[in-house]
Amino acid sequence: MGVSTSVPEEGVAVVTVDFPPVNALPVRGWYALADSVRAAGADREVRCVVLTAEGRGFNAGVDIKEIRRAAGHDALIGANRGCYEAFAAVYDCEVPVVAAVQGFCLGGGIGLAGNADAIVAADDAVFGLPELDRGALGAATHLARLVPQHLMRALYYTSRTVTAEELHRHGSVWRVVPRPQLRDAALELARQIAAKDGSLIRLAKAAINGIDPVDVRRSYRFEQGFTFEASLSGVADRVRGTFGGDDGTFGMDREQRS
């Protein structure tokens, strides 16, 4: 359990997240993920990073149970900072990052996938931000990188999800494949990227980040302030109390939780 890194072939590093049962990451998990992605990108032998996860789904966001157990706001602050560091690590990784997404990609998963350079998804993958049902806010910055503006708003306000195939039609998912083929498909794309000159691919990543119309780090940090306000004002607890989800899996159906 945790975050691990492997190098299955020349030029490609695979960072794998494994926090059963649903990859809802505790504070230490977000920081571990950030450290692993940064280290992989800093390795001059690596020219592409694949971000993947074990288990039923790619990522279910933060570990709500950890936040509810903690006294005061230390866990909430830790989760906010940890998510920020992990999302930024993916975006700022010195080489392109390919996200390999299966099952559910919710909350913090959108932050990771949205900041990746490319997404390969299994045909069972669904993407969404159930934040309003969790009494939280955030990651609209990253959802806006996956879908057009008005669709992003409708998905955000309703907490609904979209399928990998829908995102493929919008152009934000590179390929949709049967789940057993996900790893191979992600490695195939990574292999094509890793075939480029290592110095040039790093310059390309820096150049593309430099022309982004939105500073994803600053805009996400802005969103986080409203999440903290919702918590301090009691709105977050009130919404969580009416919605349920004491198991820390808000926004997931019974099949996804099991």
C-alpha atoms as a PDB file:
ATOM      1  CA  MET A   1       0.000   0.000   0.000  1.00  0.00           C
ATOM      2  CA  GLY A   2       1.256   3.490  -0.838  1.00  0.00           C
ATOM      3  CA  VAL A   3       3.003   5.006  -3.845  1.00  0.00           C
ATOM      4  CA  SER A   4       5.644   3.134  -5.837  1.00  0.00           C
ATOM      5  CA  THR A   5       7.761   3.817  -8.908  1.00  0.00           C
ATOM      6  CA  SER A   6       8.969   1.351 -11.519  1.00  0.00           C
ATOM      7  CA  VAL A   7      10.818   1.656 -14.824  1.00  0.00           C
ATOM      8  CA  PRO A   8       9.334  -1.042 -17.077  1.00  0.00           C
ATOM      9  CA  GLU A   9      11.271   0.090 -20.133  1.00  0.00           C
ATOM     10  CA  GLU A  10      13.861   2.614 -21.194  1.00  0.00           C
ATOM     11  CA  GLY A  11      12.763   6.218 -20.781  1.00  0.00           C
ATOM     12  CA  VAL A  12       9.447   5.454 -19.070  1.00  0.00           C
ATOM     13  CA  ALA A  13       8.723   5.612 -15.334  1.00  0.00           C
ATOM     14  CA  VAL A  14       5.434   4.337 -13.911  1.00  0.00           C
ATOM     15  CA  VAL A  15       4.180   5.890 -10.663  1.00  0.00           C
ATOM     16  CA  THR A  16       1.509   3.680  -9.106  1.00  0.00           C
ATOM     17  CA  VAL A  17      -0.907   4.673  -6.346  1.00  0.00           C
ATOM     18  CA  ASP A  18      -2.367   1.969  -4.106  1.00  0.00           C
ATOM     19  CA  PHE A  19      -4.508   3.020  -1.119  1.00  0.00           C
ATOM     20  CA  PRO A  20      -7.282   0.428  -0.692  1.00  0.00           C
ATOM     21  CA  PRO A  21     -10.180   0.214  -0.792  1.00  0.00           C
ATOM     22  CA  VAL A  22     -10.925   3.139  -3.134  1.00  0.00           C
ATOM     23  CA  ASN A  23      -7.705   5.151  -3.457  1.00  0.00           C
ATOM     24  CA  ALA A  24      -9.035   7.966  -1.279  1.00  0.00           C
ATOM     25  CA  LEU A  25      -5.658   9.373  -0.274  1.00  0.00           C
ATOM     26  CA  PRO A  26      -4.666  10.410   3.250  1.00  0.00           C
ATOM     27  CA  VAL A  27      -2.511  13.511   3.682  1.00  0.00           C
ATOM     28  CA  ARG A  28       0.716  11.488   3.593  1.00  0.00           C
ATOM     29  CA  GLY A  29      -0.444   9.852   0.359  1.00  0.00           C
ATOM     30  CA  TRP A  30      -0.761  13.141  -1.491  1.00  0.00           C
ATOM     31  CA  TYR A  31       2.720  14.191  -0.425  1.00  0.00           C
ATOM     32  CA  ALA A  32       4.151  10.786  -1.326  1.00  0.00           C
ATOM     33  CA  LEU A  33       2.579  11.035  -4.760  1.00  0.00           C
ATOM     34  CA  ALA A  34       3.997  14.528  -5.265  1.00  0.00           C
ATOM     35  CA  ASP A  35       7.475  13.385  -4.240  1.00  0.00           C
ATOM     36  CA  SER A  36       7.374  10.356  -6.537  1.00  0.00           C
ATOM     37  CA  VAL A  37       6.233  12.295  -9.601  1.00  0.00           C
ATOM     38  CA  ARG A  38       8.830  15.005  -9.027  1.00  0.00           C
ATOM     39  CA  ALA A  39      11.609  12.448  -8.557  1.00  0.00           C
ATOM     40  CA  ALA A  40      10.609  10.565 -11.710  1.00  0.00           C
ATOM     41  CA  GLY A  41      10.550  13.764 -13.753  1.00  0.00           C
ATOM     42  CA  ALA A  42      13.925  14.875 -12.408  1.00  0.00           C
ATOM     43  CA  ASP A  43      15.575  11.610 -13.492  1.00  0.00           C
ATOM     44  CA  ARG A  44      17.434  12.491 -16.698  1.00  0.00           C
ATOM     45  CA  GLU A  45      16.972   8.932 -17.956  1.00  0.00           C
ATOM     46  CA  VAL A  46      13.179   9.352 -17.843  1.00  0.00           C
ATOM     47  CA  ARG A  47      11.393  11.028 -20.758  1.00  0.00           C
ATOM     48  CA  CYS A  48       7.781  10.219 -19.865  1.00  0.00           C
ATOM     49  CA  VAL A  49       5.908   9.354 -16.662  1.00  0.00           C
ATOM     50  CA  VAL A  50       2.806   7.160 -16.515  1.00  0.00           C
ATOM     51  CA  LEU A  51       0.563   7.824 -13.520  1.00  0.00           C
ATOM     52  CA  THR A  52      -1.605   4.833 -12.682  1.00  0.00           C
ATOM     53  CA  ALA A  53      -3.403   3.183  -9.767  1.00  0.00           C
ATOM     54  CA  GLU A  54      -4.150  -0.270  -8.459  1.00  0.00           C
ATOM     55  CA  GLY A  55      -7.626  -1.461  -7.598  1.00  0.00           C
ATOM     56  CA  ARG A  56     -11.176  -0.689  -8.584  1.00  0.00           C
ATOM     57  CA  GLY A  57     -10.691   2.970  -9.399  1.00  0.00           C
ATOM     58  CA  PHE A  58      -8.050   5.558 -10.235  1.00  0.00           C
ATOM     59  CA  ASN A  59      -8.739   7.999  -7.399  1.00  0.00           C
ATOM     60  CA  ALA A  60     -11.623   8.876  -5.079  1.00  0.00           C
ATOM     61  CA  GLY A  61     -10.166  12.125  -3.761  1.00  0.00           C
ATOM     62  CA  VAL A  62      -9.188  12.860  -0.180  1.00  0.00           C
ATOM     63  CA  ASP A  63      -9.701  10.530   2.770  1.00  0.00           C
ATOM     64  CA  ILE A  64     -12.758  12.158   4.366  1.00  0.00           C
ATOM     65  CA  LYS A  65     -12.541   9.795   7.335  1.00  0.00           C
ATOM     66  CA  GLU A  66      -9.105  11.142   8.202  1.00  0.00           C
ATOM     67  CA  ILE A  67     -10.437  14.701   8.207  1.00  0.00           C
ATOM     68  CA  ARG A  68     -13.457  13.799  10.345  1.00  0.00           C
ATOM     69  CA  ARG A  69     -11.349  11.931  12.907  1.00  0.00           C
ATOM     70  CA  ALA A  70      -8.886  14.774  13.407  1.00  0.00           C
ATOM     71  CA  ALA A  71      -9.377  17.488  16.006  1.00  0.00           C
ATOM     72  CA  GLY A  72      -9.226  21.051  14.757  1.00  0.00           C
ATOM     73  CA  HIS A  73      -8.361  21.856  11.167  1.00  0.00           C
ATOM     74  CA  ASP A  74      -4.924  20.286  10.826  1.00  0.00           C
ATOM     75  CA  ALA A  75      -6.124  17.400   8.651  1.00  0.00           C
ATOM     76  CA  LEU A  76      -8.142  19.699   6.405  1.00  0.00           C
ATOM     77  CA  ILE A  77      -5.185  22.025   5.964  1.00  0.00           C
ATOM     78  CA  GLY A  78      -2.953  19.016   5.338  1.00  0.00           C
ATOM     79  CA  ALA A  79      -5.315  17.645   2.689  1.00  0.00           C
ATOM     80  CA  ASN A  80      -5.550  21.034   0.997  1.00  0.00           C
ATOM     81  CA  ARG A  81      -1.785  21.437   0.894  1.00  0.00           C
ATOM     82  CA  GLY A  82      -1.198  17.823  -0.073  1.00  0.00           C
ATOM     83  CA  CYS A  83      -3.611  18.011  -3.000  1.00  0.00           C
ATOM     84  CA  TYR A  84      -2.029  21.263  -4.117  1.00  0.00           C
ATOM     85  CA  GLU A  85       1.437  19.697  -4.043  1.00  0.00           C
ATOM     86  CA  ALA A  86       0.351  16.549  -5.906  1.00  0.00           C
ATOM     87  CA  PHE A  87      -1.550  18.413  -8.615  1.00  0.00           C
ATOM     88  CA  ALA A  88       1.328  20.858  -9.059  1.00  0.00           C
ATOM     89  CA  ALA A  89       3.851  18.008  -9.223  1.00  0.00           C
ATOM     90  CA  VAL A  90       1.966  16.460 -12.142  1.00  0.00           C
ATOM     91  CA  TYR A  91       1.655  19.777 -13.938  1.00  0.00           C
ATOM     92  CA  ASP A  92       5.252  20.849 -13.275  1.00  0.00           C
ATOM     93  CA  CYS A  93       6.791  17.431 -13.931  1.00  0.00           C
ATOM     94  CA  GLU A  94       9.805  18.031 -16.156  1.00  0.00           C
ATOM     95  CA  VAL A  95       8.569  15.464 -18.677  1.00  0.00           C
ATOM     96  CA  PRO A  96       5.084  14.672 -19.998  1.00  0.00           C
ATOM     97  CA  VAL A  97       2.752  12.728 -17.709  1.00  0.00           C
ATOM     98  CA  VAL A  98       0.266  10.198 -19.086  1.00  0.00           C
ATOM     99  CA  ALA A  99      -2.606   9.374 -16.715  1.00  0.00           C
ATOM    100  CA  ALA A 100      -3.951   5.823 -17.039  1.00  0.00           C
ATOM    101  CA  VAL A 101      -7.465   5.970 -15.598  1.00  0.00           C
ATOM    102  CA  GLN A 102      -9.761   3.098 -14.705  1.00  0.00           C
ATOM    103  CA  GLY A 103     -13.035   2.975 -12.801  1.00  0.00           C
ATOM    104  CA  PHE A 104     -13.825   6.127 -10.873  1.00  0.00           C
ATOM    105  CA  CYS A 105     -11.840   9.344 -11.183  1.00  0.00           C
ATOM    106  CA  LEU A 106     -13.450  11.671  -8.656  1.00  0.00           C
ATOM    107  CA  GLY A 107     -12.501  14.814  -6.742  1.00  0.00           C
ATOM    108  CA  GLY A 108      -8.748  14.769  -6.399  1.00  0.00           C
ATOM    109  CA  GLY A 109      -8.586  12.333  -9.284  1.00  0.00           C
ATOM    110  CA  ILE A 110      -9.800  15.134 -11.544  1.00  0.00           C
ATOM    111  CA  GLY A 111      -6.974  17.312 -10.237  1.00  0.00           C
ATOM    112  CA  LEU A 112      -4.437  14.655 -11.205  1.00  0.00           C
ATOM    113  CA  ALA A 113      -5.910  13.704 -14.576  1.00  0.00           C
ATOM    114  CA  GLY A 114      -6.725  17.297 -15.461  1.00  0.00           C
ATOM    115  CA  ASN A 115      -3.126  18.364 -14.901  1.00  0.00           C
ATOM    116  CA  ALA A 116      -1.672  15.419 -16.835  1.00  0.00           C
ATOM    117  CA  ASP A 117      -0.410  15.935 -20.369  1.00  0.00           C
ATOM    118  CA  ALA A 118      -2.477  13.091 -21.796  1.00  0.00           C
ATOM    119  CA  ILE A 119      -5.100  10.624 -20.581  1.00  0.00           C
ATOM    120  CA  VAL A 120      -5.644   7.029 -21.592  1.00  0.00           C
ATOM    121  CA  ALA A 121      -8.788   5.565 -20.050  1.00  0.00           C
ATOM    122  CA  ALA A 122     -10.440   2.214 -19.581  1.00  0.00           C
ATOM    123  CA  ASP A 123     -13.931   1.861 -20.994  1.00  0.00           C
ATOM    124  CA  ASP A 124     -15.338   1.675 -17.462  1.00  0.00           C
ATOM    125  CA  ALA A 125     -13.838   5.010 -16.368  1.00  0.00           C
ATOM    126  CA  VAL A 126     -16.066   7.837 -15.131  1.00  0.00           C
ATOM    127  CA  PHE A 127     -14.926  11.342 -14.247  1.00  0.00           C
ATOM    128  CA  GLY A 128     -16.572  13.843 -11.931  1.00  0.00           C
ATOM    129  CA  LEU A 129     -16.516  16.277  -9.042  1.00  0.00           C
ATOM    130  CA  PRO A 130     -18.966  15.272  -6.284  1.00  0.00           C
ATOM    131  CA  GLU A 131     -17.553  18.137  -4.191  1.00  0.00           C
ATOM    132  CA  LEU A 132     -20.856  19.905  -3.535  1.00  0.00           C
ATOM    133  CA  ASP A 133     -22.275  16.663  -2.144  1.00  0.00           C
ATOM    134  CA  ARG A 134     -19.244  16.449   0.144  1.00  0.00           C
ATOM    135  CA  GLY A 135     -19.635  19.958   1.500  1.00  0.00           C
ATOM    136  CA  ALA A 136     -16.503  21.012  -0.329  1.00  0.00           C
ATOM    137  CA  LEU A 137     -15.324  22.919  -3.388  1.00  0.00           C
ATOM    138  CA  GLY A 138     -12.342  22.672  -5.681  1.00  0.00           C
ATOM    139  CA  ALA A 139     -10.810  21.218  -8.860  1.00  0.00           C
ATOM    140  CA  ALA A 140     -13.103  23.118 -11.222  1.00  0.00           C
ATOM    141  CA  THR A 141      -9.764  24.429 -12.471  1.00  0.00           C
ATOM    142  CA  HIS A 142      -8.864  20.942 -13.635  1.00  0.00           C
ATOM    143  CA  LEU A 143     -12.304  19.851 -14.846  1.00  0.00           C
ATOM    144  CA  ALA A 144     -12.246  22.925 -17.106  1.00  0.00           C
ATOM    145  CA  ARG A 145      -9.201  21.392 -18.821  1.00  0.00           C
ATOM    146  CA  LEU A 146     -11.262  18.302 -19.701  1.00  0.00           C
ATOM    147  CA  VAL A 147     -14.593  19.723 -20.902  1.00  0.00           C
ATOM    148  CA  PRO A 148     -15.953  22.997 -22.316  1.00  0.00           C
ATOM    149  CA  GLN A 149     -16.862  25.777 -19.897  1.00  0.00           C
ATOM    150  CA  HIS A 150     -20.638  25.365 -19.768  1.00  0.00           C
ATOM    151  CA  LEU A 151     -20.454  21.604 -19.451  1.00  0.00           C
ATOM    152  CA  MET A 152     -17.911  22.019 -16.659  1.00  0.00           C
ATOM    153  CA  ARG A 153     -20.328  24.265 -14.775  1.00  0.00           C
ATOM    154  CA  ALA A 154     -23.281  21.906 -15.218  1.00  0.00           C
ATOM    155  CA  LEU A 155     -21.232  18.918 -14.067  1.00  0.00           C
ATOM    156  CA  TYR A 156     -19.881  20.874 -11.092  1.00  0.00           C
ATOM    157  CA  TYR A 157     -23.273  22.135  -9.919  1.00  0.00           C
ATOM    158  CA  THR A 158     -24.988  18.736 -10.300  1.00  0.00           C
ATOM    159  CA  SER A 159     -22.105  16.483  -9.141  1.00  0.00           C
ATOM    160  CA  ARG A 160     -22.750  14.301 -12.175  1.00  0.00           C
ATOM    161  CA  THR A 161     -20.069  12.254 -13.906  1.00  0.00           C
ATOM    162  CA  VAL A 162     -19.055  11.816 -17.533  1.00  0.00           C
ATOM    163  CA  THR A 163     -17.724   8.672 -19.160  1.00  0.00           C
ATOM    164  CA  ALA A 164     -14.343   8.182 -20.747  1.00  0.00           C
ATOM    165  CA  GLU A 165     -16.020   7.899 -24.131  1.00  0.00           C
ATOM    166  CA  GLU A 166     -17.678  11.292 -23.664  1.00  0.00           C
ATOM    167  CA  LEU A 167     -14.325  12.855 -22.815  1.00  0.00           C
ATOM    168  CA  HIS A 168     -12.809  11.149 -25.838  1.00  0.00           C
ATOM    169  CA  ARG A 169     -15.388  12.894 -28.013  1.00  0.00           C
ATOM    170  CA  HIS A 170     -14.357  16.212 -26.434  1.00  0.00           C
ATOM    171  CA  GLY A 171     -10.735  15.432 -27.268  1.00  0.00           C
ATOM    172  CA  SER A 172      -9.425  15.318 -23.698  1.00  0.00           C
ATOM    173  CA  VAL A 173      -8.935  11.531 -23.571  1.00  0.00           C
ATOM    174  CA  TRP A 174      -6.402  10.156 -26.050  1.00  0.00           C
ATOM    175  CA  ARG A 175      -7.731   6.584 -26.181  1.00  0.00           C
ATOM    176  CA  VAL A 176     -10.449   4.489 -24.573  1.00  0.00           C
ATOM    177  CA  VAL A 177      -9.621   0.804 -24.322  1.00  0.00           C
ATOM    178  CA  PRO A 178     -10.966  -2.294 -22.558  1.00  0.00           C
ATOM    179  CA  ARG A 179      -9.730  -2.328 -18.994  1.00  0.00           C
ATOM    180  CA  PRO A 180      -7.321  -5.257 -19.405  1.00  0.00           C
ATOM    181  CA  GLN A 181      -5.553  -3.252 -22.132  1.00  0.00           C
ATOM    182  CA  LEU A 182      -5.181  -0.017 -20.150  1.00  0.00           C
ATOM    183  CA  ARG A 183      -1.585  -0.434 -19.004  1.00  0.00           C
ATOM    184  CA  ASP A 184      -0.379  -1.482 -22.447  1.00  0.00           C
ATOM    185  CA  ALA A 185      -2.183   1.424 -24.114  1.00  0.00           C
ATOM    186  CA  ALA A 186      -0.706   3.939 -21.671  1.00  0.00           C
ATOM    187  CA  LEU A 187       2.772   2.483 -22.142  1.00  0.00           C
ATOM    188  CA  GLU A 188       2.369   2.606 -25.912  1.00  0.00           C
ATOM    189  CA  LEU A 189       1.730   6.365 -25.795  1.00  0.00           C
ATOM    190  CA  ALA A 190       4.515   6.859 -23.252  1.00  0.00           C
ATOM    191  CA  ARG A 191       6.876   4.901 -25.481  1.00  0.00           C
ATOM    192  CA  GLN A 192       6.151   7.208 -28.415  1.00  0.00           C
ATOM    193  CA  ILE A 193       6.850  10.255 -26.235  1.00  0.00           C
ATOM    194  CA  ALA A 194       9.974   8.695 -24.717  1.00  0.00           C
ATOM    195  CA  ALA A 195      11.374   8.099 -28.205  1.00  0.00           C
ATOM    196  CA  LYS A 196      12.026  11.849 -28.474  1.00  0.00           C
ATOM    197  CA  ASP A 197      15.245  13.528 -27.395  1.00  0.00           C
ATOM    198  CA  GLY A 198      15.220  13.904 -23.603  1.00  0.00           C
ATOM    199  CA  SER A 199      16.418  17.510 -23.528  1.00  0.00           C
ATOM    200  CA  LEU A 200      14.022  18.565 -26.262  1.00  0.00           C
ATOM    201  CA  ILE A 201      10.995  16.912 -24.639  1.00  0.00           C
ATOM    202  CA  ARG A 202      11.754  18.826 -21.425  1.00  0.00           C
ATOM    203  CA  LEU A 203      11.903  22.084 -23.359  1.00  0.00           C
ATOM    204  CA  ALA A 204       8.623  21.195 -25.048  1.00  0.00           C
ATOM    205  CA  LYS A 205       6.918  20.564 -21.704  1.00  0.00           C
ATOM    206  CA  ALA A 206       8.156  23.892 -20.306  1.00  0.00           C
ATOM    207  CA  ALA A 207       7.086  25.719 -23.458  1.00  0.00           C
ATOM    208  CA  ILE A 208       3.573  24.283 -23.470  1.00  0.00           C
ATOM    209  CA  ASN A 209       3.086  25.038 -19.780  1.00  0.00           C
ATOM    210  CA  GLY A 210       4.300  28.564 -20.450  1.00  0.00           C
ATOM    211  CA  ILE A 211       1.562  29.266 -22.990  1.00  0.00           C
ATOM    212  CA  ASP A 212      -1.319  27.921 -20.872  1.00  0.00           C
ATOM    213  CA  PRO A 213      -4.049  30.577 -20.674  1.00  0.00           C
ATOM    214  CA  VAL A 214      -4.769  29.770 -17.008  1.00  0.00           C
ATOM    215  CA  ASP A 215      -2.297  29.426 -14.154  1.00  0.00           C
ATOM    216  CA  VAL A 216      -3.660  26.182 -12.736  1.00  0.00           C
ATOM    217  CA  ARG A 217      -1.729  26.491  -9.474  1.00  0.00           C
ATOM    218  CA  ARG A 218      -3.036  29.957  -8.686  1.00  0.00           C
ATOM    219  CA  SER A 219      -6.634  29.265  -9.752  1.00  0.00           C
ATOM    220  CA  TYR A 220      -6.807  26.030  -7.741  1.00  0.00           C
ATOM    221  CA  ARG A 221      -5.381  27.779  -4.684  1.00  0.00           C
ATOM    222  CA  PHE A 222      -8.126  30.382  -5.059  1.00  0.00           C
ATOM    223  CA  GLU A 223     -10.754  27.618  -5.067  1.00  0.00           C
ATOM    224  CA  GLN A 224      -9.268  26.053  -1.945  1.00  0.00           C
ATOM    225  CA  GLY A 225      -9.966  29.217   0.033  1.00  0.00           C
ATOM    226  CA  PHE A 226     -13.693  28.682  -0.460  1.00  0.00           C
ATOM    227  CA  THR A 227     -13.400  25.059   0.632  1.00  0.00           C
ATOM    228  CA  PHE A 228     -11.808  26.205   3.876  1.00  0.00           C
ATOM    229  CA  GLU A 229     -14.496  28.866   4.331  1.00  0.00           C
ATOM    230  CA  ALA A 230     -17.210  26.230   3.913  1.00  0.00           C
ATOM    231  CA  SER A 231     -15.564  24.156   6.632  1.00  0.00           C
ATOM    232  CA  LEU A 232     -15.091  27.016   9.077  1.00  0.00           C
ATOM    233  CA  SER A 233     -18.659  28.267   8.620  1.00  0.00           C
ATOM    234  CA  GLY A 234     -20.174  24.841   9.331  1.00  0.00           C
ATOM    235  CA  VAL A 235     -21.649  24.488   5.851  1.00  0.00           C
ATOM    236  CA  ALA A 236     -19.447  21.494   5.051  1.00  0.00           C
ATOM    237  CA  ASP A 237     -20.544  19.495   8.097  1.00  0.00           C
ATOM    238  CA  ARG A 238     -24.198  20.338   7.475  1.00  0.00           C
ATOM    239  CA  VAL A 239     -24.079  19.137   3.883  1.00  0.00           C
ATOM    240  CA  ARG A 240     -22.168  15.972   4.765  1.00  0.00           C
ATOM    241  CA  GLY A 241     -24.695  15.224   7.482  1.00  0.00           C
ATOM    242  CA  THR A 242     -27.618  15.404   5.070  1.00  0.00           C
ATOM    243  CA  PHE A 243     -25.899  13.544   2.252  1.00  0.00           C
ATOM    244  CA  GLY A 244     -24.370  10.714   4.284  1.00  0.00           C
ATOM    245  CA  GLY A 245     -21.136   8.961   3.477  1.00  0.00           C
ATOM    246  CA  ASP A 246     -19.537   8.362   6.863  1.00  0.00           C
ATOM    247  CA  ASP A 247     -17.281   5.828   5.137  1.00  0.00           C
ATOM    248  CA  GLY A 248     -15.459   8.639   3.373  1.00  0.00           C
ATOM    249  CA  THR A 249     -16.717   7.749  -0.095  1.00  0.00           C
ATOM    250  CA  PHE A 250     -19.120  10.605  -0.810  1.00  0.00           C
ATOM    251  CA  GLY A 251     -20.391  10.696  -4.354  1.00  0.00           C
ATOM    252  CA  MET A 252     -19.777   7.002  -5.040  1.00  0.00           C
ATOM    253  CA  ASP A 253     -22.455   4.406  -5.539  1.00  0.00           C
ATOM    254  CA  ARG A 254     -22.558   1.128  -3.618  1.00  0.00           C
ATOM    255  CA  GLU A 255     -20.836  -0.842  -6.382  1.00  0.00           C
ATOM    256  CA  GLN A 256     -17.931   1.588  -6.495  1.00  0.00           C
ATOM    257  CA  ARG A 257     -17.515   1.571  -2.702  1.00  0.00           C
ATOM    258  CA  SER A 258     -17.323  -2.213  -2.405  1.00  0.00           C
END
